[in-house]
Amino acid sequence: MIAQNWLCEKCGNIYLGPFPPQNCPSCGADRDCFKQENEFRFPQGEIEHVITTCWKISYGLYMVSSFDGDNINGQICNAFMQITSDPPRFALGINHKNLTHEYIEKSGSFAVSILGKEDQKIVRRFGYRSGREFDKFKGVPIFRERTGCPILKDALGYIECTIIKEMQVDAGTHSIFVGDVVGGKTLKDQEPMTYAYYHKTKHS
């Protein structure tokens, strides 16, 4: 359940939780005096703890790619997960402002290259600059399969999906794309990189 900001209209106190409290912990006003705020704010001093705790959640780090005609682009993403097994479908979260988002909408497809624990350079190359500024794939070995999206030759494996337009969700700063799996293969039998591992070792 997602926490919300609840504003006490009597004293201005902000309560963080899935539901408003029975009584305001500051002035004692009852639950009816609380209204939900649209902007999410953590209590002062808590945000760093929340961020570092998020890194403990077990999810991977991937290079997501797509194309627009002859143009290709990719980016690093950690918001990728399987949501059904029959049929096999995955959900992917991409920022609205990213070039990859634009290409996914145009092509109707994306590929996910699974990164290994030694792929710190790939994370830096595809995750720290925009494809609008330079060609991220220049000099990087790739191949293409069913969707035509670029796939890293040195990846541990890959998944290709075609998006289901009617299932696309606007999640604020990001879109959630839901895609049917149309291809995939394991290329190396190695341990994949996780988000937590990346943050632990990125300066080493």
Protein backbone atom coordinates (compact mmCIF):
# COMPACT_ATOMS: atom_id res chain seq x y z
CA MET A 1 0.00 0.00 0.00
CA ILE A 2 1.36 3.44 -0.94
CA ALA A 3 1.88 6.09 1.74
CA GLN A 4 0.19 9.45 1.24
CA ASN A 5 0.55 12.93 2.70
CA TRP A 6 -2.39 13.91 4.89
CA LEU A 7 -2.66 17.62 5.82
CA CYS A 8 -4.46 18.65 9.00
CA GLU A 9 -6.48 21.70 8.00
CA LYS A 10 -6.58 22.94 11.61
CA CYS A 11 -2.87 23.07 12.43
CA GLY A 12 -1.04 22.31 9.17
CA ASN A 13 0.60 19.13 10.49
CA ILE A 14 1.43 16.58 7.79
CA TYR A 15 0.86 12.91 8.55
CA LEU A 16 2.50 10.23 6.37
CA GLY A 17 0.62 6.96 5.93
CA PRO A 18 -1.81 5.00 3.75
CA PHE A 19 -4.78 6.51 5.65
CA PRO A 20 -5.28 9.63 7.80
CA PRO A 21 -4.92 9.11 11.58
CA GLN A 22 -7.95 8.93 13.86
CA ASN A 23 -6.71 12.11 15.51
CA CYS A 24 -4.04 14.63 14.61
CA PRO A 25 -0.91 13.85 16.68
CA SER A 26 -0.22 17.60 16.87
CA CYS A 27 -3.54 19.28 17.74
CA GLY A 28 -5.92 16.37 18.37
CA ALA A 29 -8.32 17.19 15.52
CA ASP A 30 -10.35 14.23 14.29
CA ARG A 31 -9.85 12.35 11.02
CA ASP A 32 -12.35 14.50 9.10
CA CYS A 33 -9.98 17.45 9.37
CA PHE A 34 -7.37 15.75 7.15
CA LYS A 35 -7.19 16.14 3.39
CA GLN A 36 -4.90 14.30 1.01
CA GLU A 37 -2.12 16.31 -0.59
CA ASN A 38 -1.07 15.69 -4.18
CA GLU A 39 2.61 16.34 -3.56
CA PHE A 40 4.44 13.57 -1.73
CA ARG A 41 6.83 14.87 0.93
CA PHE A 42 8.90 12.86 3.38
CA PRO A 43 9.48 14.16 6.91
CA GLN A 44 12.72 16.14 7.22
CA GLY A 45 15.77 13.89 7.54
CA GLU A 46 13.96 10.77 6.31
CA ILE A 47 14.56 10.95 2.56
CA GLU A 48 18.14 9.58 2.66
CA HIS A 49 17.00 6.59 4.70
CA VAL A 50 14.19 5.91 2.23
CA ILE A 51 16.54 6.10 -0.77
CA THR A 52 19.16 3.76 0.68
CA THR A 53 16.44 1.33 1.76
CA CYS A 54 15.06 1.30 -1.80
CA TRP A 55 18.47 0.08 -2.94
CA LYS A 56 17.93 -3.03 -0.81
CA ILE A 57 14.91 -4.04 -2.86
CA SER A 58 15.98 -6.88 -5.11
CA TYR A 59 15.65 -5.86 -8.74
CA GLY A 60 17.99 -5.81 -11.68
CA LEU A 61 19.75 -3.20 -13.76
CA TYR A 62 19.18 -3.42 -17.50
CA MET A 63 19.90 -1.70 -20.79
CA VAL A 64 16.57 -0.99 -22.48
CA SER A 65 16.58 -0.16 -26.19
CA SER A 66 14.33 0.73 -29.07
CA PHE A 67 14.47 2.47 -32.44
CA ASP A 68 12.86 4.97 -34.79
CA GLY A 69 13.62 4.04 -38.38
CA ASP A 70 17.41 3.99 -38.74
CA ASN A 71 17.92 5.65 -35.35
CA ILE A 72 18.56 3.54 -32.26
CA ASN A 73 18.87 4.41 -28.60
CA GLY A 74 19.20 2.72 -25.24
CA GLN A 75 19.22 3.62 -21.58
CA ILE A 76 19.77 2.07 -18.19
CA CYS A 77 16.62 1.03 -16.36
CA ASN A 78 15.83 -0.72 -13.09
CA ALA A 79 12.03 -0.63 -13.45
CA PHE A 80 11.45 -3.87 -15.34
CA MET A 81 9.55 -6.88 -14.09
CA GLN A 82 7.54 -9.90 -15.21
CA ILE A 83 3.86 -9.50 -14.40
CA THR A 84 2.29 -12.62 -15.97
CA SER A 85 3.64 -15.99 -17.07
CA ASP A 86 0.80 -17.13 -19.33
CA PRO A 87 1.04 -15.26 -21.58
CA PRO A 88 4.54 -14.04 -20.65
CA ARG A 89 4.35 -10.27 -20.14
CA PHE A 90 6.64 -7.67 -18.65
CA ALA A 91 6.11 -4.13 -17.37
CA LEU A 92 8.67 -1.40 -18.00
CA GLY A 93 8.87 2.11 -16.50
CA ILE A 94 10.49 4.85 -18.62
CA ASN A 95 10.71 8.62 -18.03
CA HIS A 96 8.53 10.67 -20.39
CA LYS A 97 11.47 12.94 -21.28
CA ASN A 98 13.80 10.16 -22.40
CA LEU A 99 14.56 9.49 -26.04
CA THR A 100 14.02 5.78 -25.45
CA HIS A 101 10.44 6.55 -24.37
CA GLU A 102 9.87 8.33 -27.67
CA TYR A 103 11.30 5.43 -29.67
CA ILE A 104 9.28 2.80 -27.79
CA GLU A 105 6.06 4.66 -28.54
CA LYS A 106 7.00 4.99 -32.23
CA SER A 107 8.23 1.43 -32.81
CA GLY A 108 5.80 -0.30 -30.46
CA SER A 109 8.58 -2.50 -29.11
CA PHE A 110 11.59 -2.67 -26.82
CA ALA A 111 14.45 -5.01 -25.99
CA VAL A 112 16.04 -5.52 -22.59
CA SER A 113 19.70 -6.55 -22.38
CA ILE A 114 20.47 -8.16 -19.03
CA LEU A 115 23.68 -6.83 -17.49
CA GLY A 116 26.29 -8.76 -15.50
CA LYS A 117 28.16 -7.71 -12.38
CA GLU A 118 31.14 -6.54 -14.45
CA ASP A 119 29.12 -4.17 -16.64
CA GLN A 120 29.77 -0.95 -14.72
CA LYS A 121 31.07 0.71 -17.91
CA ILE A 122 27.85 -0.11 -19.74
CA VAL A 123 25.85 1.47 -16.90
CA ARG A 124 27.93 4.65 -17.12
CA ARG A 125 27.74 4.81 -20.91
CA PHE A 126 24.01 4.26 -21.21
CA GLY A 127 22.89 5.78 -17.93
CA TYR A 128 24.62 9.12 -17.50
CA ARG A 129 24.04 10.94 -20.80
CA SER A 130 21.16 11.40 -23.19
CA GLY A 131 21.06 9.78 -26.61
CA ARG A 132 20.09 13.22 -27.90
CA GLU A 133 23.68 14.33 -27.15
CA PHE A 134 25.75 11.46 -28.54
CA ASP A 135 25.54 8.00 -30.11
CA LYS A 136 25.61 5.61 -27.17
CA PHE A 137 25.98 2.58 -29.42
CA LYS A 138 29.02 3.84 -31.34
CA GLY A 139 31.69 1.11 -31.06
CA VAL A 140 29.42 -1.13 -28.95
CA PRO A 141 28.81 -4.62 -30.46
CA ILE A 142 25.11 -5.27 -30.98
CA PHE A 143 22.78 -7.55 -32.90
CA ARG A 144 19.09 -7.49 -33.73
CA GLU A 145 16.43 -10.14 -33.64
CA ARG A 146 12.64 -10.25 -33.97
CA THR A 147 11.69 -6.67 -32.99
CA GLY A 148 14.65 -4.96 -34.64
CA CYS A 149 15.67 -3.33 -31.34
CA PRO A 150 19.43 -3.31 -30.67
CA ILE A 151 20.70 -5.94 -28.21
CA LEU A 152 24.12 -5.97 -26.54
CA LYS A 153 26.26 -8.85 -27.80
CA ASP A 154 27.99 -9.09 -24.42
CA ALA A 155 24.76 -9.17 -22.39
CA LEU A 156 23.93 -12.14 -20.18
CA GLY A 157 20.71 -12.49 -22.11
CA TYR A 158 17.86 -10.51 -23.55
CA ILE A 159 14.08 -10.21 -23.69
CA GLU A 160 12.15 -8.64 -26.58
CA CYS A 161 8.62 -7.30 -26.19
CA THR A 162 5.94 -5.67 -28.29
CA ILE A 163 3.94 -3.17 -26.27
CA ILE A 164 0.20 -3.40 -25.64
CA LYS A 165 -1.00 0.14 -26.34
CA GLU A 166 -4.22 -0.09 -24.35
CA MET A 167 -2.26 -1.13 -21.26
CA GLN A 168 0.15 1.83 -21.28
CA VAL A 169 -0.19 3.80 -18.04
CA ASP A 170 0.78 7.40 -17.28
CA ALA A 171 2.52 7.21 -13.89
CA GLY A 172 3.37 10.89 -13.54
CA THR A 173 6.99 11.42 -14.59
CA HIS A 174 7.09 7.98 -16.22
CA SER A 175 5.04 5.75 -18.50
CA ILE A 176 4.50 2.11 -17.66
CA PHE A 177 4.66 0.01 -20.82
CA VAL A 178 3.25 -3.51 -20.72
CA GLY A 179 4.67 -5.80 -23.38
CA ASP A 180 4.13 -9.32 -24.68
CA VAL A 181 7.35 -11.33 -24.89
CA VAL A 182 8.16 -12.16 -28.52
CA GLY A 183 11.75 -13.31 -28.12
CA GLY A 184 14.60 -13.89 -25.71
CA LYS A 185 17.66 -15.97 -24.99
CA THR A 186 20.32 -16.62 -22.35
CA LEU A 187 23.76 -15.75 -23.73
CA LYS A 188 25.96 -16.28 -20.64
CA ASP A 189 25.51 -18.28 -17.47
CA GLN A 190 26.62 -15.61 -15.00
CA GLU A 191 25.16 -13.66 -12.10
CA PRO A 192 23.12 -10.60 -13.20
CA MET A 193 23.75 -7.16 -11.80
CA THR A 194 21.25 -5.93 -9.22
CA TYR A 195 20.49 -2.33 -8.34
CA ALA A 196 21.83 -2.90 -4.81
CA TYR A 197 25.09 -4.39 -6.12
CA TYR A 198 25.60 -1.48 -8.49
CA HIS A 199 25.29 1.12 -5.72
CA LYS A 200 27.61 -0.90 -3.48
CA THR A 201 30.38 -1.17 -6.10
CA LYS A 202 30.01 1.81 -8.45
CA HIS A 203 32.95 3.70 -6.96
CA SER A 204 35.25 0.67 -6.72
